[in-house]
Amino acid sequence: MKPVLILIAGGSASGKTTVVNKIKNKLNSLDITVIRQDDYYKDQSFLNIEERLKTNYDHPDALDNELLLTQLNLLLSGQPIDSPTYDFIRHTRSDEIKKIVPTKVIVLEGILALHDERIRNLADIKIYVESDDDIRFIRRLVRDIKERGRSMDAVIRQYLDTVKPMYYQFVKPSKRYADIIIPNDHTHDVAVDVMISKIKDICQER
């Protein structure tokens, strides 16, 4: 059976992972694999750390969509992949490779998951998670300091220089491609239930 491919996009810290986890919990009996678009940022090991720090991670050009597209097609055709992983402390790909085998449901989650038309064309369901700008900034600030070893000044500077402008230039406009838009400022159980029903219908058809 060809896997069901779901794309989940939305601004940084909008609540995409929360939606992914709810889908996983609701499906329970179905196999599901989650792929982070963040792991497909381009390798920067050939650059020194000062140059790596200048990378605009919110611009589509920072992503290796050629590799992502190739590996998604492999998974959809029933073949396993060796997925890269990204090290946000060193600002380049890590040495760790993740072996991913095809499952009934594959979820691609990332701020620009809906940006590339070629990837959109592979998807069965396209979702956009929306949240208030202030809430997203606060969540990102806490996450980057705790999980990615960033300083407060660095997080704020990056947000103002690239995250916010790129959100309005690339991320938010991709909302028009979504089949479902989930406002993450309140509970979204109904939207998740609708998605689960659709996923099960597609699986039964295949």
C-alpha atoms as a PDB file:
ATOM      1  CA  MET A   1       0.000   0.000   0.000  1.00  0.00           C
ATOM      2  CA  LYS A   2       1.288   3.445  -0.896  1.00  0.00           C
ATOM      3  CA  PRO A   3       1.784   5.510   2.282  1.00  0.00           C
ATOM      4  CA  VAL A   4      -0.432   8.486   3.061  1.00  0.00           C
ATOM      5  CA  LEU A   5       1.717  11.631   3.003  1.00  0.00           C
ATOM      6  CA  ILE A   6       0.696  14.529   5.252  1.00  0.00           C
ATOM      7  CA  LEU A   7       2.401  17.928   5.188  1.00  0.00           C
ATOM      8  CA  ILE A   8       2.190  20.109   8.297  1.00  0.00           C
ATOM      9  CA  ALA A   9       3.441  23.691   7.969  1.00  0.00           C
ATOM     10  CA  GLY A  10       3.191  26.882  10.019  1.00  0.00           C
ATOM     11  CA  GLY A  11       5.356  29.531  11.609  1.00  0.00           C
ATOM     12  CA  SER A  12       8.200  28.691  13.960  1.00  0.00           C
ATOM     13  CA  ALA A  13       6.804  27.499  17.328  1.00  0.00           C
ATOM     14  CA  SER A  14       3.215  27.667  16.051  1.00  0.00           C
ATOM     15  CA  GLY A  15       2.362  24.289  17.557  1.00  0.00           C
ATOM     16  CA  LYS A  16       3.075  21.945  14.644  1.00  0.00           C
ATOM     17  CA  THR A  17       4.623  19.293  16.904  1.00  0.00           C
ATOM     18  CA  THR A  18       1.573  19.376  19.175  1.00  0.00           C
ATOM     19  CA  VAL A  19      -0.667  18.642  16.193  1.00  0.00           C
ATOM     20  CA  VAL A  20       1.673  15.862  15.038  1.00  0.00           C
ATOM     21  CA  ASN A  21       1.571  14.244  18.483  1.00  0.00           C
ATOM     22  CA  LYS A  22      -2.224  14.418  18.578  1.00  0.00           C
ATOM     23  CA  ILE A  23      -2.401  12.704  15.201  1.00  0.00           C
ATOM     24  CA  LYS A  24      -0.024   9.987  16.415  1.00  0.00           C
ATOM     25  CA  ASN A  25      -2.066   9.420  19.569  1.00  0.00           C
ATOM     26  CA  LYS A  26      -5.345   9.248  17.656  1.00  0.00           C
ATOM     27  CA  LEU A  27      -4.082   6.851  15.008  1.00  0.00           C
ATOM     28  CA  ASN A  28      -2.465   4.449  17.500  1.00  0.00           C
ATOM     29  CA  SER A  29      -3.199   1.303  15.466  1.00  0.00           C
ATOM     30  CA  LEU A  30      -1.649   2.672  12.283  1.00  0.00           C
ATOM     31  CA  ASP A  31       2.055   2.905  11.634  1.00  0.00           C
ATOM     32  CA  ILE A  32       3.223   6.495  11.342  1.00  0.00           C
ATOM     33  CA  THR A  33       6.596   8.096  10.614  1.00  0.00           C
ATOM     34  CA  VAL A  34       7.383  11.753  11.275  1.00  0.00           C
ATOM     35  CA  ILE A  35      10.053  13.491   9.197  1.00  0.00           C
ATOM     36  CA  ARG A  36      11.381  16.868  10.336  1.00  0.00           C
ATOM     37  CA  GLN A  37      12.058  19.251   7.484  1.00  0.00           C
ATOM     38  CA  ASP A  38      14.654  20.865   9.781  1.00  0.00           C
ATOM     39  CA  ASP A  39      16.892  17.825   9.279  1.00  0.00           C
ATOM     40  CA  TYR A  40      17.145  18.692   5.594  1.00  0.00           C
ATOM     41  CA  TYR A  41      18.954  21.978   6.035  1.00  0.00           C
ATOM     42  CA  LYS A  42      21.994  21.989   3.776  1.00  0.00           C
ATOM     43  CA  ASP A  43      25.319  20.717   5.059  1.00  0.00           C
ATOM     44  CA  GLN A  44      27.611  23.583   6.117  1.00  0.00           C
ATOM     45  CA  SER A  45      30.622  21.643   7.347  1.00  0.00           C
ATOM     46  CA  PHE A  46      32.804  23.354   4.724  1.00  0.00           C
ATOM     47  CA  LEU A  47      32.149  26.739   6.351  1.00  0.00           C
ATOM     48  CA  ASN A  48      33.683  28.108   9.549  1.00  0.00           C
ATOM     49  CA  ILE A  49      31.357  28.759  12.470  1.00  0.00           C
ATOM     50  CA  GLU A  50      31.220  32.511  11.809  1.00  0.00           C
ATOM     51  CA  GLU A  51      29.910  31.876   8.285  1.00  0.00           C
ATOM     52  CA  ARG A  52      27.440  29.242   9.501  1.00  0.00           C
ATOM     53  CA  LEU A  53      25.944  31.714  11.953  1.00  0.00           C
ATOM     54  CA  LYS A  54      24.971  33.962   9.041  1.00  0.00           C
ATOM     55  CA  THR A  55      22.652  31.334   7.529  1.00  0.00           C
ATOM     56  CA  ASN A  56      19.056  32.411   7.044  1.00  0.00           C
ATOM     57  CA  TYR A  57      17.273  29.228   8.134  1.00  0.00           C
ATOM     58  CA  ASP A  58      13.871  30.689   7.311  1.00  0.00           C
ATOM     59  CA  HIS A  59      14.601  31.097   3.603  1.00  0.00           C
ATOM     60  CA  PRO A  60      13.737  28.198   1.246  1.00  0.00           C
ATOM     61  CA  ASP A  61      17.288  28.230  -0.154  1.00  0.00           C
ATOM     62  CA  ALA A  62      18.612  26.948   3.189  1.00  0.00           C
ATOM     63  CA  LEU A  63      16.857  23.621   2.604  1.00  0.00           C
ATOM     64  CA  ASP A  64      18.085  20.681   0.546  1.00  0.00           C
ATOM     65  CA  ASN A  65      14.709  20.057  -1.063  1.00  0.00           C
ATOM     66  CA  GLU A  66      16.272  17.988  -3.825  1.00  0.00           C
ATOM     67  CA  LEU A  67      17.350  15.375  -1.278  1.00  0.00           C
ATOM     68  CA  LEU A  68      14.046  15.641   0.596  1.00  0.00           C
ATOM     69  CA  LEU A  69      12.041  15.173  -2.593  1.00  0.00           C
ATOM     70  CA  THR A  70      14.139  12.170  -3.612  1.00  0.00           C
ATOM     71  CA  GLN A  71      13.767  10.520  -0.216  1.00  0.00           C
ATOM     72  CA  LEU A  72      10.024  11.171  -0.005  1.00  0.00           C
ATOM     73  CA  ASN A  73       9.591   9.517  -3.390  1.00  0.00           C
ATOM     74  CA  LEU A  74      11.604   6.525  -2.193  1.00  0.00           C
ATOM     75  CA  LEU A  75       9.414   6.147   0.900  1.00  0.00           C
ATOM     76  CA  LEU A  76       6.235   6.481  -1.146  1.00  0.00           C
ATOM     77  CA  SER A  77       7.483   3.735  -3.464  1.00  0.00           C
ATOM     78  CA  GLY A  78       8.125   1.423  -0.512  1.00  0.00           C
ATOM     79  CA  GLN A  79      11.874   1.865  -0.125  1.00  0.00           C
ATOM     80  CA  PRO A  80      13.773   2.768   3.078  1.00  0.00           C
ATOM     81  CA  ILE A  81      15.929   5.894   3.338  1.00  0.00           C
ATOM     82  CA  ASP A  82      18.942   7.146   5.277  1.00  0.00           C
ATOM     83  CA  SER A  83      17.714  10.497   6.560  1.00  0.00           C
ATOM     84  CA  PRO A  84      20.173  13.229   7.570  1.00  0.00           C
ATOM     85  CA  THR A  85      19.925  14.937  10.957  1.00  0.00           C
ATOM     86  CA  TYR A  86      20.824  18.519  11.782  1.00  0.00           C
ATOM     87  CA  ASP A  87      22.908  19.856  14.660  1.00  0.00           C
ATOM     88  CA  PHE A  88      21.588  23.304  15.640  1.00  0.00           C
ATOM     89  CA  ILE A  89      24.430  23.898  18.055  1.00  0.00           C
ATOM     90  CA  ARG A  90      27.141  23.368  15.404  1.00  0.00           C
ATOM     91  CA  HIS A  91      24.913  24.767  12.637  1.00  0.00           C
ATOM     92  CA  THR A  92      25.527  21.929  10.221  1.00  0.00           C
ATOM     93  CA  ARG A  93      24.488  18.355   9.625  1.00  0.00           C
ATOM     94  CA  SER A  94      25.418  15.922  12.332  1.00  0.00           C
ATOM     95  CA  ASP A  95      27.175  12.599  11.766  1.00  0.00           C
ATOM     96  CA  GLU A  96      24.032  10.730  12.801  1.00  0.00           C
ATOM     97  CA  ILE A  97      21.963   9.098  10.061  1.00  0.00           C
ATOM     98  CA  LYS A  98      18.408   7.903  10.706  1.00  0.00           C
ATOM     99  CA  LYS A  99      17.234   4.739   8.973  1.00  0.00           C
ATOM    100  CA  ILE A 100      13.581   5.269   8.056  1.00  0.00           C
ATOM    101  CA  VAL A 101      11.391   2.523   6.630  1.00  0.00           C
ATOM    102  CA  PRO A 102       8.075   3.173   4.858  1.00  0.00           C
ATOM    103  CA  THR A 103       4.982   3.127   7.083  1.00  0.00           C
ATOM    104  CA  LYS A 104       1.262   3.531   6.386  1.00  0.00           C
ATOM    105  CA  VAL A 105       1.368   7.231   7.227  1.00  0.00           C
ATOM    106  CA  ILE A 106       4.256   9.640   6.699  1.00  0.00           C
ATOM    107  CA  VAL A 107       4.171  13.163   8.154  1.00  0.00           C
ATOM    108  CA  LEU A 108       6.523  15.898   6.956  1.00  0.00           C
ATOM    109  CA  GLU A 109       6.614  18.738   9.487  1.00  0.00           C
ATOM    110  CA  GLY A 110       8.343  22.078   8.981  1.00  0.00           C
ATOM    111  CA  ILE A 111       7.822  25.804   8.549  1.00  0.00           C
ATOM    112  CA  LEU A 112       8.182  25.520   4.764  1.00  0.00           C
ATOM    113  CA  ALA A 113       6.546  22.117   4.260  1.00  0.00           C
ATOM    114  CA  LEU A 114       3.991  23.681   1.888  1.00  0.00           C
ATOM    115  CA  HIS A 115       6.374  25.962  -0.008  1.00  0.00           C
ATOM    116  CA  ASP A 116       7.780  23.627  -2.685  1.00  0.00           C
ATOM    117  CA  GLU A 117       5.178  22.744  -5.314  1.00  0.00           C
ATOM    118  CA  ARG A 118       6.880  19.433  -6.114  1.00  0.00           C
ATOM    119  CA  ILE A 119       6.530  18.289  -2.498  1.00  0.00           C
ATOM    120  CA  ARG A 120       2.956  19.597  -2.284  1.00  0.00           C
ATOM    121  CA  ASN A 121       2.056  17.519  -5.320  1.00  0.00           C
ATOM    122  CA  LEU A 122       3.078  14.344  -3.477  1.00  0.00           C
ATOM    123  CA  ALA A 123       0.836  15.018  -0.491  1.00  0.00           C
ATOM    124  CA  ASP A 124      -2.567  13.560   0.309  1.00  0.00           C
ATOM    125  CA  ILE A 125      -3.348  16.067   3.065  1.00  0.00           C
ATOM    126  CA  LYS A 126      -1.871  19.546   3.566  1.00  0.00           C
ATOM    127  CA  ILE A 127      -2.197  21.281   6.939  1.00  0.00           C
ATOM    128  CA  TYR A 128      -1.251  24.748   8.155  1.00  0.00           C
ATOM    129  CA  VAL A 129      -1.024  25.487  11.892  1.00  0.00           C
ATOM    130  CA  GLU A 130      -1.604  29.137  12.767  1.00  0.00           C
ATOM    131  CA  SER A 131      -0.783  30.910  16.018  1.00  0.00           C
ATOM    132  CA  ASP A 132      -0.440  34.442  17.393  1.00  0.00           C
ATOM    133  CA  ASP A 133       2.907  36.119  16.592  1.00  0.00           C
ATOM    134  CA  ASP A 134       3.691  36.967  20.218  1.00  0.00           C
ATOM    135  CA  ILE A 135       2.974  33.428  21.401  1.00  0.00           C
ATOM    136  CA  ARG A 136       5.198  31.986  18.698  1.00  0.00           C
ATOM    137  CA  PHE A 137       8.054  34.334  19.592  1.00  0.00           C
ATOM    138  CA  ILE A 138       7.888  33.488  23.305  1.00  0.00           C
ATOM    139  CA  ARG A 139       7.817  29.752  22.579  1.00  0.00           C
ATOM    140  CA  ARG A 140      10.760  30.070  20.208  1.00  0.00           C
ATOM    141  CA  LEU A 141      12.752  32.121  22.718  1.00  0.00           C
ATOM    142  CA  VAL A 142      12.301  29.508  25.447  1.00  0.00           C
ATOM    143  CA  ARG A 143      12.990  26.579  23.104  1.00  0.00           C
ATOM    144  CA  ASP A 144      16.146  27.967  21.502  1.00  0.00           C
ATOM    145  CA  ILE A 145      17.679  28.903  24.847  1.00  0.00           C
ATOM    146  CA  LYS A 146      16.849  25.584  26.532  1.00  0.00           C
ATOM    147  CA  GLU A 147      17.270  23.129  23.658  1.00  0.00           C
ATOM    148  CA  ARG A 148      19.679  24.766  21.229  1.00  0.00           C
ATOM    149  CA  GLY A 149      22.085  26.539  23.559  1.00  0.00           C
ATOM    150  CA  ARG A 150      21.343  30.003  22.186  1.00  0.00           C
ATOM    151  CA  SER A 151      21.619  33.287  24.080  1.00  0.00           C
ATOM    152  CA  MET A 152      18.595  35.551  24.490  1.00  0.00           C
ATOM    153  CA  ASP A 153      20.227  38.322  22.443  1.00  0.00           C
ATOM    154  CA  ALA A 154      21.017  35.904  19.600  1.00  0.00           C
ATOM    155  CA  VAL A 155      17.452  34.569  19.493  1.00  0.00           C
ATOM    156  CA  ILE A 156      15.936  38.062  19.468  1.00  0.00           C
ATOM    157  CA  ARG A 157      18.335  39.289  16.790  1.00  0.00           C
ATOM    158  CA  GLN A 158      17.639  36.286  14.565  1.00  0.00           C
ATOM    159  CA  TYR A 159      13.891  36.698  15.025  1.00  0.00           C
ATOM    160  CA  LEU A 160      13.930  40.351  13.978  1.00  0.00           C
ATOM    161  CA  ASP A 161      16.474  39.921  11.162  1.00  0.00           C
ATOM    162  CA  THR A 162      15.188  36.762   9.470  1.00  0.00           C
ATOM    163  CA  VAL A 163      12.448  34.789  11.252  1.00  0.00           C
ATOM    164  CA  LYS A 164       9.763  37.484  11.219  1.00  0.00           C
ATOM    165  CA  PRO A 165      10.370  38.880   7.702  1.00  0.00           C
ATOM    166  CA  MET A 166      10.711  35.398   6.173  1.00  0.00           C
ATOM    167  CA  TYR A 167       7.496  34.320   7.906  1.00  0.00           C
ATOM    168  CA  TYR A 168       5.573  37.017   6.090  1.00  0.00           C
ATOM    169  CA  GLN A 169       7.409  36.497   2.805  1.00  0.00           C
ATOM    170  CA  PHE A 170       7.377  32.694   2.546  1.00  0.00           C
ATOM    171  CA  VAL A 171       5.694  30.855   5.409  1.00  0.00           C
ATOM    172  CA  LYS A 172       2.376  32.623   5.866  1.00  0.00           C
ATOM    173  CA  PRO A 173       1.662  32.859   2.105  1.00  0.00           C
ATOM    174  CA  SER A 174       1.920  29.046   1.874  1.00  0.00           C
ATOM    175  CA  LYS A 175      -1.267  28.860   3.975  1.00  0.00           C
ATOM    176  CA  ARG A 176      -3.293  29.202   0.768  1.00  0.00           C
ATOM    177  CA  TYR A 177      -2.186  25.712  -0.273  1.00  0.00           C
ATOM    178  CA  ALA A 178      -3.521  24.036   2.872  1.00  0.00           C
ATOM    179  CA  ASP A 179      -6.526  21.725   2.897  1.00  0.00           C
ATOM    180  CA  ILE A 180      -7.017  22.411   6.606  1.00  0.00           C
ATOM    181  CA  ILE A 181      -5.968  25.470   8.651  1.00  0.00           C
ATOM    182  CA  ILE A 182      -5.742  24.876  12.393  1.00  0.00           C
ATOM    183  CA  PRO A 183      -5.786  27.885  14.737  1.00  0.00           C
ATOM    184  CA  ASN A 184      -3.524  26.845  17.600  1.00  0.00           C
ATOM    185  CA  ASP A 185      -4.697  29.551  20.029  1.00  0.00           C
ATOM    186  CA  HIS A 186      -7.335  27.158  21.356  1.00  0.00           C
ATOM    187  CA  THR A 187      -8.163  23.449  21.291  1.00  0.00           C
ATOM    188  CA  HIS A 188      -8.165  21.788  17.891  1.00  0.00           C
ATOM    189  CA  ASP A 189      -9.611  18.353  18.613  1.00  0.00           C
ATOM    190  CA  VAL A 190     -12.315  18.711  15.949  1.00  0.00           C
ATOM    191  CA  ALA A 191      -9.765  19.472  13.214  1.00  0.00           C
ATOM    192  CA  VAL A 192      -7.608  16.535  14.308  1.00  0.00           C
ATOM    193  CA  ASP A 193     -10.629  14.204  14.303  1.00  0.00           C
ATOM    194  CA  VAL A 194     -11.495  15.306  10.758  1.00  0.00           C
ATOM    195  CA  MET A 195      -7.923  14.545   9.666  1.00  0.00           C
ATOM    196  CA  ILE A 196      -7.938  11.134  11.319  1.00  0.00           C
ATOM    197  CA  SER A 197     -11.165  10.228   9.566  1.00  0.00           C
ATOM    198  CA  LYS A 198      -9.702  11.297   6.206  1.00  0.00           C
ATOM    199  CA  ILE A 199      -6.452   9.382   6.810  1.00  0.00           C
ATOM    200  CA  LYS A 200      -8.370   6.191   7.606  1.00  0.00           C
ATOM    201  CA  ASP A 201     -10.539   6.639   4.521  1.00  0.00           C
ATOM    202  CA  ILE A 202      -7.474   6.963   2.281  1.00  0.00           C
ATOM    203  CA  CYS A 203      -5.853   3.903   3.884  1.00  0.00           C
ATOM    204  CA  GLN A 204      -8.991   1.832   3.306  1.00  0.00           C
ATOM    205  CA  GLU A 205      -9.181   2.925  -0.334  1.00  0.00           C
ATOM    206  CA  ARG A 206      -5.604   1.745  -0.887  1.00  0.00           C
END
